[in-house]
C-alpha atoms as a PDB file:
ATOM      1  CA  MET A   1       0.000   0.000   0.000  1.00  0.00           C
ATOM      2  CA  LYS A   2       2.787   2.463   0.993  1.00  0.00           C
ATOM      3  CA  LYS A   3       4.766   1.488  -2.091  1.00  0.00           C
ATOM      4  CA  GLY A   4       1.762   2.271  -4.286  1.00  0.00           C
ATOM      5  CA  LYS A   5       1.362   5.700  -2.691  1.00  0.00           C
ATOM      6  CA  PHE A   6       5.066   6.425  -3.183  1.00  0.00           C
ATOM      7  CA  ILE A   7       4.898   5.575  -6.894  1.00  0.00           C
ATOM      8  CA  ALA A   8       1.799   7.713  -7.316  1.00  0.00           C
ATOM      9  CA  ALA A   9       3.577  10.632  -5.583  1.00  0.00           C
ATOM     10  CA  VAL A  10       6.636  10.263  -7.859  1.00  0.00           C
ATOM     11  CA  VAL A  11       4.458  10.205 -10.976  1.00  0.00           C
ATOM     12  CA  THR A  12       2.555  13.277  -9.810  1.00  0.00           C
ATOM     13  CA  ALA A  13       5.794  15.173  -9.016  1.00  0.00           C
ATOM     14  CA  GLY A  14       7.190  14.244 -12.411  1.00  0.00           C
ATOM     15  CA  VAL A  15       4.097  15.529 -14.205  1.00  0.00           C
ATOM     16  CA  LEU A  16       4.279  18.806 -12.277  1.00  0.00           C
ATOM     17  CA  LEU A  17       7.978  19.114 -13.144  1.00  0.00           C
ATOM     18  CA  CYS A  18       7.194  18.698 -16.819  1.00  0.00           C
ATOM     19  CA  ILE A  19       4.600  21.454 -16.600  1.00  0.00           C
ATOM     20  CA  VAL A  20       7.047  23.816 -14.882  1.00  0.00           C
ATOM     21  CA  ILE A  21       9.767  23.129 -17.461  1.00  0.00           C
ATOM     22  CA  THR A  22       7.376  23.643 -20.339  1.00  0.00           C
ATOM     23  CA  HIS A  23       5.644  26.789 -19.151  1.00  0.00           C
ATOM     24  CA  PHE A  24       8.199  28.654 -16.968  1.00  0.00           C
ATOM     25  CA  THR A  25      11.499  28.351 -18.804  1.00  0.00           C
ATOM     26  CA  GLY A  26      12.346  30.835 -21.509  1.00  0.00           C
ATOM     27  CA  SER A  27      14.486  30.629 -24.558  1.00  0.00           C
ATOM     28  CA  ASN A  28      18.072  31.117 -23.231  1.00  0.00           C
ATOM     29  CA  PRO A  29      21.180  28.947 -22.829  1.00  0.00           C
ATOM     30  CA  ILE A  30      20.302  27.931 -19.258  1.00  0.00           C
ATOM     31  CA  ALA A  31      16.698  27.156 -20.182  1.00  0.00           C
ATOM     32  CA  ASN A  32      17.855  25.178 -23.190  1.00  0.00           C
ATOM     33  CA  ALA A  33      20.313  23.234 -21.037  1.00  0.00           C
ATOM     34  CA  VAL A  34      17.604  22.492 -18.484  1.00  0.00           C
ATOM     35  CA  LYS A  35      15.260  21.328 -21.239  1.00  0.00           C
ATOM     36  CA  THR A  36      18.025  19.202 -22.739  1.00  0.00           C
ATOM     37  CA  VAL A  37      18.762  17.519 -19.411  1.00  0.00           C
ATOM     38  CA  PHE A  38      15.171  16.971 -18.480  1.00  0.00           C
ATOM     39  CA  ALA A  39      13.821  16.140 -21.964  1.00  0.00           C
ATOM     40  CA  PRO A  40      14.100  12.345 -21.482  1.00  0.00           C
ATOM     41  CA  VAL A  41      12.580  12.646 -18.037  1.00  0.00           C
ATOM     42  CA  GLU A  42       9.835  14.855 -19.378  1.00  0.00           C
ATOM     43  CA  ASN A  43       9.116  12.395 -22.176  1.00  0.00           C
ATOM     44  CA  GLY A  44       9.090   9.518 -19.707  1.00  0.00           C
ATOM     45  CA  PHE A  45       6.729  11.245 -17.347  1.00  0.00           C
ATOM     46  CA  ALA A  46       4.551  12.352 -20.249  1.00  0.00           C
ATOM     47  CA  TYR A  47       4.312   8.728 -21.363  1.00  0.00           C
ATOM     48  CA  ILE A  48       3.488   7.615 -17.824  1.00  0.00           C
ATOM     49  CA  ALA A  49       0.959  10.419 -17.420  1.00  0.00           C
ATOM     50  CA  ASP A  50      -0.721   9.395 -20.675  1.00  0.00           C
ATOM     51  CA  LYS A  51      -0.948   5.785 -19.491  1.00  0.00           C
ATOM     52  CA  VAL A  52      -2.268   6.849 -16.099  1.00  0.00           C
ATOM     53  CA  SER A  53      -4.822   9.086 -17.776  1.00  0.00           C
ATOM     54  CA  GLY A  54      -5.865   6.223 -20.053  1.00  0.00           C
ATOM     55  CA  THR A  55      -6.195   3.887 -17.095  1.00  0.00           C
ATOM     56  CA  VAL A  56      -8.343   6.401 -15.229  1.00  0.00           C
ATOM     57  CA  ARG A  57     -10.564   6.815 -18.303  1.00  0.00           C
ATOM     58  CA  PHE A  58     -10.834   3.033 -18.621  1.00  0.00           C
ATOM     59  CA  LEU A  59     -11.839   2.674 -14.959  1.00  0.00           C
ATOM     60  CA  TRP A  60     -14.440   5.398 -15.331  1.00  0.00           C
ATOM     61  CA  GLU A  61     -15.798   3.792 -18.495  1.00  0.00           C
ATOM     62  CA  MET A  62     -15.937   0.344 -16.864  1.00  0.00           C
ATOM     63  CA  ASP A  63     -19.081   1.285 -14.955  1.00  0.00           C
ATOM     64  CA  SER A  64     -20.666   2.399 -18.204  1.00  0.00           C
ATOM     65  CA  TYR A  65     -19.630  -0.866 -19.907  1.00  0.00           C
ATOM     66  CA  LYS A  66     -21.022  -2.848 -16.982  1.00  0.00           C
ATOM     67  CA  ASP A  67     -24.388  -1.099 -17.264  1.00  0.00           C
ATOM     68  CA  GLU A  68     -24.440  -1.635 -21.025  1.00  0.00           C
ATOM     69  CA  ASN A  69     -23.575  -5.344 -20.621  1.00  0.00           C
ATOM     70  CA  GLU A  70     -26.296  -5.809 -18.022  1.00  0.00           C
ATOM     71  CA  GLU A  71     -28.806  -4.154 -20.349  1.00  0.00           C
ATOM     72  CA  LEU A  72     -27.694  -6.358 -23.252  1.00  0.00           C
ATOM     73  CA  ILE A  73     -27.994  -9.475 -21.086  1.00  0.00           C
ATOM     74  CA  ARG A  74     -31.500  -8.384 -20.024  1.00  0.00           C
ATOM     75  CA  GLN A  75     -32.497  -7.860 -23.655  1.00  0.00           C
ATOM     76  CA  ILE A  76     -31.065 -11.248 -24.669  1.00  0.00           C
ATOM     77  CA  ASN A  77     -32.939 -12.982 -21.845  1.00  0.00           C
ATOM     78  CA  GLU A  78     -36.130 -11.215 -22.869  1.00  0.00           C
ATOM     79  CA  LEU A  79     -35.667 -12.288 -26.500  1.00  0.00           C
ATOM     80  CA  ASN A  80     -34.998 -15.872 -25.399  1.00  0.00           C
ATOM     81  CA  ARG A  81     -38.153 -15.854 -23.284  1.00  0.00           C
ATOM     82  CA  GLU A  82     -40.223 -14.461 -26.153  1.00  0.00           C
ATOM     83  CA  THR A  83     -38.757 -17.060 -28.526  1.00  0.00           C
ATOM     84  CA  ARG A  84     -39.495 -19.835 -26.052  1.00  0.00           C
ATOM     85  CA  ASP A  85     -43.052 -18.592 -25.511  1.00  0.00           C
ATOM     86  CA  ALA A  86     -43.606 -18.348 -29.272  1.00  0.00           C
ATOM     87  CA  SER A  87     -42.250 -21.883 -29.749  1.00  0.00           C
ATOM     88  CA  GLN A  88     -44.499 -23.264 -27.022  1.00  0.00           C
ATOM     89  CA  LEU A  89     -47.496 -21.436 -28.473  1.00  0.00           C
ATOM     90  CA  ARG A  90     -46.745 -22.824 -31.930  1.00  0.00           C
ATOM     91  CA  GLU A  91     -46.381 -26.368 -30.574  1.00  0.00           C
ATOM     92  CA  GLY A  92     -49.630 -26.005 -28.631  1.00  0.00           C
ATOM     93  CA  ASN A  93     -51.469 -24.805 -31.731  1.00  0.00           C
ATOM     94  CA  GLU A  94     -50.080 -27.729 -33.737  1.00  0.00           C
ATOM     95  CA  ARG A  95     -51.234 -30.228 -31.102  1.00  0.00           C
ATOM     96  CA  LEU A  96     -54.731 -28.718 -30.985  1.00  0.00           C
ATOM     97  CA  GLN A  97     -54.931 -28.756 -34.779  1.00  0.00           C
ATOM     98  CA  GLU A  98     -53.999 -32.455 -34.818  1.00  0.00           C
ATOM     99  CA  LEU A  99     -56.565 -33.164 -32.103  1.00  0.00           C
ATOM    100  CA  LEU A 100     -59.249 -31.344 -34.102  1.00  0.00           C
ATOM    101  CA  GLU A 101     -58.391 -33.386 -37.191  1.00  0.00           C
ATOM    102  CA  LEU A 102     -58.645 -36.581 -35.116  1.00  0.00           C
ATOM    103  CA  LYS A 103     -62.034 -35.483 -33.778  1.00  0.00           C
ATOM    104  CA  ASN A 104     -63.268 -34.808 -37.302  1.00  0.00           C
ATOM    105  CA  ASN A 105     -62.024 -38.236 -38.423  1.00  0.00           C
ATOM    106  CA  MET A 106     -63.913 -40.081 -35.679  1.00  0.00           C
ATOM    107  CA  ASP A 107     -67.056 -40.396 -37.782  1.00  0.00           C
ATOM    108  CA  GLY A 108     -69.955 -41.930 -35.926  1.00  0.00           C
ATOM    109  CA  TYR A 109     -68.485 -41.303 -32.462  1.00  0.00           C
ATOM    110  CA  SER A 110     -69.178 -38.611 -29.896  1.00  0.00           C
ATOM    111  CA  THR A 111     -65.948 -37.206 -28.470  1.00  0.00           C
ATOM    112  CA  VAL A 112     -64.826 -34.689 -25.846  1.00  0.00           C
ATOM    113  CA  ALA A 113     -61.420 -32.969 -25.789  1.00  0.00           C
ATOM    114  CA  ALA A 114     -59.668 -32.733 -22.403  1.00  0.00           C
ATOM    115  CA  SER A 115     -56.355 -31.594 -20.939  1.00  0.00           C
ATOM    116  CA  VAL A 116     -54.010 -33.743 -18.853  1.00  0.00           C
ATOM    117  CA  ILE A 117     -53.664 -32.141 -15.404  1.00  0.00           C
ATOM    118  CA  ALA A 118     -51.785 -34.798 -13.389  1.00  0.00           C
ATOM    119  CA  TYR A 119     -49.824 -38.032 -13.575  1.00  0.00           C
ATOM    120  CA  SER A 120     -49.818 -40.993 -11.208  1.00  0.00           C
ATOM    121  CA  LYS A 121     -47.745 -40.520  -8.064  1.00  0.00           C
ATOM    122  CA  ASN A 122     -45.375 -43.388  -8.882  1.00  0.00           C
ATOM    123  CA  ASN A 123     -44.178 -41.510 -11.997  1.00  0.00           C
ATOM    124  CA  TRP A 124     -44.571 -44.523 -14.280  1.00  0.00           C
ATOM    125  CA  TYR A 125     -47.513 -42.994 -16.172  1.00  0.00           C
ATOM    126  CA  ASP A 126     -49.795 -45.943 -15.443  1.00  0.00           C
ATOM    127  CA  THR A 127     -52.594 -43.447 -14.721  1.00  0.00           C
ATOM    128  CA  ILE A 128     -53.249 -39.834 -15.666  1.00  0.00           C
ATOM    129  CA  GLU A 129     -55.912 -37.338 -14.643  1.00  0.00           C
ATOM    130  CA  ILE A 130     -57.870 -35.155 -17.058  1.00  0.00           C
ATOM    131  CA  ASN A 131     -59.958 -32.024 -16.479  1.00  0.00           C
ATOM    132  CA  LYS A 132     -63.312 -33.340 -17.770  1.00  0.00           C
ATOM    133  CA  GLY A 133     -65.826 -35.599 -16.025  1.00  0.00           C
ATOM    134  CA  LEU A 134     -69.500 -36.450 -15.527  1.00  0.00           C
ATOM    135  CA  MET A 135     -70.702 -32.919 -16.152  1.00  0.00           C
ATOM    136  CA  HIS A 136     -69.124 -33.105 -19.618  1.00  0.00           C
ATOM    137  CA  GLY A 137     -70.865 -36.364 -20.529  1.00  0.00           C
ATOM    138  CA  LEU A 138     -67.971 -38.701 -19.708  1.00  0.00           C
ATOM    139  CA  ASP A 139     -68.204 -41.989 -17.813  1.00  0.00           C
ATOM    140  CA  VAL A 140     -66.145 -44.934 -16.587  1.00  0.00           C
ATOM    141  CA  GLY A 141     -65.100 -47.156 -19.472  1.00  0.00           C
ATOM    142  CA  ASN A 142     -64.730 -44.358 -22.039  1.00  0.00           C
ATOM    143  CA  ALA A 143     -61.744 -44.817 -24.350  1.00  0.00           C
ATOM    144  CA  VAL A 144     -59.056 -42.097 -24.356  1.00  0.00           C
ATOM    145  CA  ILE A 145     -56.922 -41.476 -27.431  1.00  0.00           C
ATOM    146  CA  THR A 146     -54.583 -38.958 -29.088  1.00  0.00           C
ATOM    147  CA  PRO A 147     -53.520 -38.453 -32.729  1.00  0.00           C
ATOM    148  CA  ASP A 148     -50.608 -40.818 -31.948  1.00  0.00           C
ATOM    149  CA  GLY A 149     -52.843 -43.666 -30.780  1.00  0.00           C
ATOM    150  CA  VAL A 150     -54.534 -45.229 -27.762  1.00  0.00           C
ATOM    151  CA  VAL A 151     -53.903 -43.809 -24.284  1.00  0.00           C
ATOM    152  CA  GLY A 152     -56.223 -46.021 -22.212  1.00  0.00           C
ATOM    153  CA  LYS A 153     -59.670 -45.855 -20.622  1.00  0.00           C
ATOM    154  CA  ILE A 154     -61.416 -43.990 -17.797  1.00  0.00           C
ATOM    155  CA  THR A 155     -61.499 -46.015 -14.571  1.00  0.00           C
ATOM    156  CA  ASP A 156     -62.588 -43.370 -12.038  1.00  0.00           C
ATOM    157  CA  ILE A 157     -64.519 -40.144 -12.454  1.00  0.00           C
ATOM    158  CA  GLY A 158     -65.885 -37.043 -10.749  1.00  0.00           C
ATOM    159  CA  LEU A 159     -67.945 -34.070 -11.875  1.00  0.00           C
ATOM    160  CA  ASN A 160     -65.048 -32.230 -13.539  1.00  0.00           C
ATOM    161  CA  TRP A 161     -62.214 -34.768 -13.520  1.00  0.00           C
ATOM    162  CA  ALA A 162     -61.482 -38.347 -14.520  1.00  0.00           C
ATOM    163  CA  THR A 163     -58.695 -40.870 -13.942  1.00  0.00           C
ATOM    164  CA  VAL A 164     -57.425 -42.678 -17.018  1.00  0.00           C
ATOM    165  CA  SER A 165     -55.764 -46.088 -16.770  1.00  0.00           C
ATOM    166  CA  THR A 166     -53.126 -46.150 -19.522  1.00  0.00           C
ATOM    167  CA  LEU A 167     -51.881 -49.067 -21.615  1.00  0.00           C
ATOM    168  CA  LEU A 168     -48.981 -49.392 -19.158  1.00  0.00           C
ATOM    169  CA  ASN A 169     -51.251 -50.199 -16.211  1.00  0.00           C
ATOM    170  CA  PRO A 170     -51.031 -53.903 -15.256  1.00  0.00           C
ATOM    171  CA  ASP A 171     -54.831 -53.940 -14.831  1.00  0.00           C
ATOM    172  CA  ASN A 172     -55.407 -52.841 -18.420  1.00  0.00           C
ATOM    173  CA  ALA A 173     -55.869 -55.127 -21.458  1.00  0.00           C
ATOM    174  CA  MET A 174     -57.263 -54.760 -24.981  1.00  0.00           C
ATOM    175  CA  GLY A 175     -57.729 -56.790 -28.115  1.00  0.00           C
ATOM    176  CA  VAL A 176     -55.347 -55.929 -30.944  1.00  0.00           C
ATOM    177  CA  ARG A 177     -54.629 -56.959 -34.481  1.00  0.00           C
ATOM    178  CA  ILE A 178     -51.200 -57.200 -36.095  1.00  0.00           C
ATOM    179  CA  GLY A 179     -51.328 -54.855 -39.059  1.00  0.00           C
ATOM    180  CA  ARG A 180     -49.050 -56.829 -41.362  1.00  0.00           C
ATOM    181  CA  THR A 181     -50.513 -60.301 -40.812  1.00  0.00           C
ATOM    182  CA  GLY A 182     -54.012 -59.640 -39.479  1.00  0.00           C
ATOM    183  CA  ASP A 183     -53.428 -61.996 -36.519  1.00  0.00           C
ATOM    184  CA  ALA A 184     -55.267 -61.255 -33.280  1.00  0.00           C
ATOM    185  CA  ALA A 185     -53.692 -60.949 -29.845  1.00  0.00           C
ATOM    186  CA  VAL A 186     -54.032 -59.085 -26.534  1.00  0.00           C
ATOM    187  CA  VAL A 187     -51.967 -56.141 -25.314  1.00  0.00           C
ATOM    188  CA  GLU A 188     -51.820 -55.682 -21.542  1.00  0.00           C
ATOM    189  CA  GLY A 189     -49.839 -53.847 -18.910  1.00  0.00           C
ATOM    190  CA  ASP A 190     -47.066 -55.688 -17.130  1.00  0.00           C
ATOM    191  CA  GLU A 191     -45.601 -55.105 -13.651  1.00  0.00           C
ATOM    192  CA  GLU A 192     -42.036 -55.666 -14.878  1.00  0.00           C
ATOM    193  CA  LEU A 193     -42.316 -53.636 -18.069  1.00  0.00           C
ATOM    194  CA  TYR A 194     -44.456 -50.638 -17.142  1.00  0.00           C
ATOM    195  CA  SER A 195     -41.583 -48.852 -15.383  1.00  0.00           C
ATOM    196  CA  GLN A 196     -39.786 -48.880 -18.761  1.00  0.00           C
ATOM    197  CA  ASN A 197     -42.885 -47.467 -20.511  1.00  0.00           C
ATOM    198  CA  TYR A 198     -43.494 -50.788 -22.258  1.00  0.00           C
ATOM    199  CA  CYS A 199     -46.379 -53.261 -22.199  1.00  0.00           C
ATOM    200  CA  LYS A 200     -46.667 -56.809 -23.558  1.00  0.00           C
ATOM    201  CA  MET A 201     -48.630 -58.737 -26.163  1.00  0.00           C
ATOM    202  CA  THR A 202     -49.969 -62.175 -25.203  1.00  0.00           C
ATOM    203  CA  PHE A 203     -52.358 -64.836 -26.541  1.00  0.00           C
ATOM    204  CA  ILE A 204     -50.421 -64.900 -29.776  1.00  0.00           C
ATOM    205  CA  ASP A 205     -51.343 -67.620 -32.261  1.00  0.00           C
ATOM    206  CA  LYS A 206     -48.531 -70.167 -32.490  1.00  0.00           C
ATOM    207  CA  ASP A 207     -48.504 -69.829 -36.274  1.00  0.00           C
ATOM    208  CA  ALA A 208     -48.398 -66.025 -36.261  1.00  0.00           C
ATOM    209  CA  GLY A 209     -45.321 -64.903 -38.151  1.00  0.00           C
ATOM    210  CA  ILE A 210     -44.712 -61.768 -36.108  1.00  0.00           C
ATOM    211  CA  ILE A 211     -41.473 -59.840 -36.406  1.00  0.00           C
ATOM    212  CA  ILE A 212     -39.860 -56.975 -34.524  1.00  0.00           C
ATOM    213  CA  GLY A 213     -41.301 -53.711 -35.811  1.00  0.00           C
ATOM    214  CA  ASP A 214     -44.782 -55.071 -36.560  1.00  0.00           C
ATOM    215  CA  LEU A 215     -47.424 -52.418 -35.919  1.00  0.00           C
ATOM    216  CA  LEU A 216     -50.437 -53.114 -33.731  1.00  0.00           C
ATOM    217  CA  GLU A 217     -53.914 -51.612 -33.913  1.00  0.00           C
ATOM    218  CA  THR A 218     -57.117 -52.080 -31.959  1.00  0.00           C
ATOM    219  CA  SER A 219     -59.263 -54.985 -33.124  1.00  0.00           C
ATOM    220  CA  GLY A 220     -62.539 -53.475 -31.929  1.00  0.00           C
ATOM    221  CA  SER A 221     -63.312 -56.461 -29.679  1.00  0.00           C
ATOM    222  CA  GLY A 222     -64.617 -55.681 -26.210  1.00  0.00           C
ATOM    223  CA  GLY A 223     -66.649 -52.664 -27.298  1.00  0.00           C
ATOM    224  CA  ILE A 224     -64.410 -50.016 -25.671  1.00  0.00           C
ATOM    225  CA  TYR A 225     -61.952 -49.096 -28.410  1.00  0.00           C
ATOM    226  CA  PRO A 226     -63.042 -48.623 -32.032  1.00  0.00           C
ATOM    227  CA  ALA A 227     -61.166 -50.812 -34.511  1.00  0.00           C
ATOM    228  CA  GLY A 228     -58.150 -49.441 -36.349  1.00  0.00           C
ATOM    229  CA  LEU A 229     -56.633 -47.205 -33.669  1.00  0.00           C
ATOM    230  CA  PHE A 230     -52.841 -47.311 -33.494  1.00  0.00           C
ATOM    231  CA  VAL A 231     -51.569 -49.059 -30.332  1.00  0.00           C
ATOM    232  CA  GLY A 232     -47.815 -49.532 -30.725  1.00  0.00           C
ATOM    233  CA  ALA A 233     -45.049 -51.620 -32.247  1.00  0.00           C
ATOM    234  CA  ILE A 234     -43.368 -54.908 -31.339  1.00  0.00           C
ATOM    235  CA  ARG A 235     -39.978 -54.214 -29.806  1.00  0.00           C
ATOM    236  CA  GLU A 236     -38.877 -57.675 -28.668  1.00  0.00           C
ATOM    237  CA  ILE A 237     -40.146 -61.261 -29.050  1.00  0.00           C
ATOM    238  CA  ASP A 238     -39.819 -63.824 -26.269  1.00  0.00           C
ATOM    239  CA  SER A 239     -40.072 -67.556 -26.998  1.00  0.00           C
ATOM    240  CA  ASP A 240     -39.337 -70.784 -25.107  1.00  0.00           C
ATOM    241  CA  ASN A 241     -36.807 -73.508 -25.927  1.00  0.00           C
ATOM    242  CA  THR A 242     -39.138 -75.107 -28.460  1.00  0.00           C
ATOM    243  CA  GLY A 243     -39.626 -71.866 -30.318  1.00  0.00           C
ATOM    244  CA  MET A 244     -43.174 -71.353 -29.051  1.00  0.00           C
ATOM    245  CA  LEU A 245     -44.070 -67.700 -28.585  1.00  0.00           C
ATOM    246  CA  ASN A 246     -44.596 -66.591 -24.987  1.00  0.00           C
ATOM    247  CA  TYR A 247     -45.117 -62.886 -25.407  1.00  0.00           C
ATOM    248  CA  ALA A 248     -43.844 -59.835 -27.254  1.00  0.00           C
ATOM    249  CA  THR A 249     -42.694 -56.558 -25.703  1.00  0.00           C
ATOM    250  CA  VAL A 250     -44.656 -53.633 -27.100  1.00  0.00           C
ATOM    251  CA  GLU A 251     -43.634 -49.986 -27.244  1.00  0.00           C
ATOM    252  CA  PRO A 252     -46.807 -47.853 -27.147  1.00  0.00           C
ATOM    253  CA  SER A 253     -47.234 -45.318 -29.930  1.00  0.00           C
ATOM    254  CA  VAL A 254     -48.126 -42.630 -27.369  1.00  0.00           C
ATOM    255  CA  ASP A 255     -45.339 -40.891 -25.463  1.00  0.00           C
ATOM    256  CA  PHE A 256     -46.910 -40.832 -21.979  1.00  0.00           C
ATOM    257  CA  SER A 257     -44.295 -38.400 -20.694  1.00  0.00           C
ATOM    258  CA  ARG A 258     -45.504 -35.754 -23.167  1.00  0.00           C
ATOM    259  CA  LEU A 259     -49.276 -35.913 -22.884  1.00  0.00           C
ATOM    260  CA  TYR A 260     -50.991 -32.529 -22.922  1.00  0.00           C
ATOM    261  CA  GLU A 261     -54.395 -32.962 -24.588  1.00  0.00           C
ATOM    262  CA  VAL A 262     -56.474 -36.084 -25.229  1.00  0.00           C
ATOM    263  CA  LEU A 263     -59.733 -37.025 -26.916  1.00  0.00           C
ATOM    264  CA  VAL A 264     -62.312 -39.066 -24.986  1.00  0.00           C
ATOM    265  CA  ILE A 265     -64.716 -41.277 -26.924  1.00  0.00           C
ATOM    266  CA  ASN A 266     -67.936 -41.052 -24.903  1.00  0.00           C
ATOM    267  CA  GLY A 267     -70.333 -42.900 -27.141  1.00  0.00           C
ATOM    268  CA  VAL A 268     -71.763 -43.298 -30.597  1.00  0.00           C
ATOM    269  CA  SER A 269     -73.124 -40.206 -32.324  1.00  0.00           C
ATOM    270  CA  GLN A 270     -76.882 -40.073 -32.577  1.00  0.00           C
END
């Protein structure tokens, strides 16, 4: 600290000396000699004074730069937020447009659109809750779908809410048909697979030539799900030592972690 003050004092004295030499010496042999002797010193102190002056200006301008940077950061954050909001709005509009197209394609069926407001507490998406219920014409047993395929069916209901048991729920089962071969089978939830967001296909005909990647659709049996709705795809095939099929692992067509709006089939149109 003391050393810094000493240097500052020397620089200040040198600057003052340069001023005195410049402004108070005349044009005579003694003055010329003094200027000659002190010229290097004067130049050195002038250089130092210029650097000190520049440093002082820089320090003063730093506050201004800081304010400008903070304002730029605020503007960037605001632009990012607006871009994010616009992107979310666009995605929401696209989802609603797809849901409207699905509703229009469900000829002969009465449907109600609803929003997903909660997931099951165990975080495996085996049940979801929607914001429509009895007062909207819904009831237990109604099928729930999206443009991507089957979600599940309503298993509990209130005036303005309903619980939907998804395909992943071990208590859920539905008749399906293999799109490529036309063979019938059953897709049901499984306690070992539902935590991986998979379900399984059982009651497969021993002669069914299923392969990984085969697409599954609702068969229409059981009276809950209309025929032809997309269910999922075969991901893995399990067989015993004799080659007999035990079951196939199915990846649902619906991404249960990204459910926002659904369509409930609440009866046949009059």
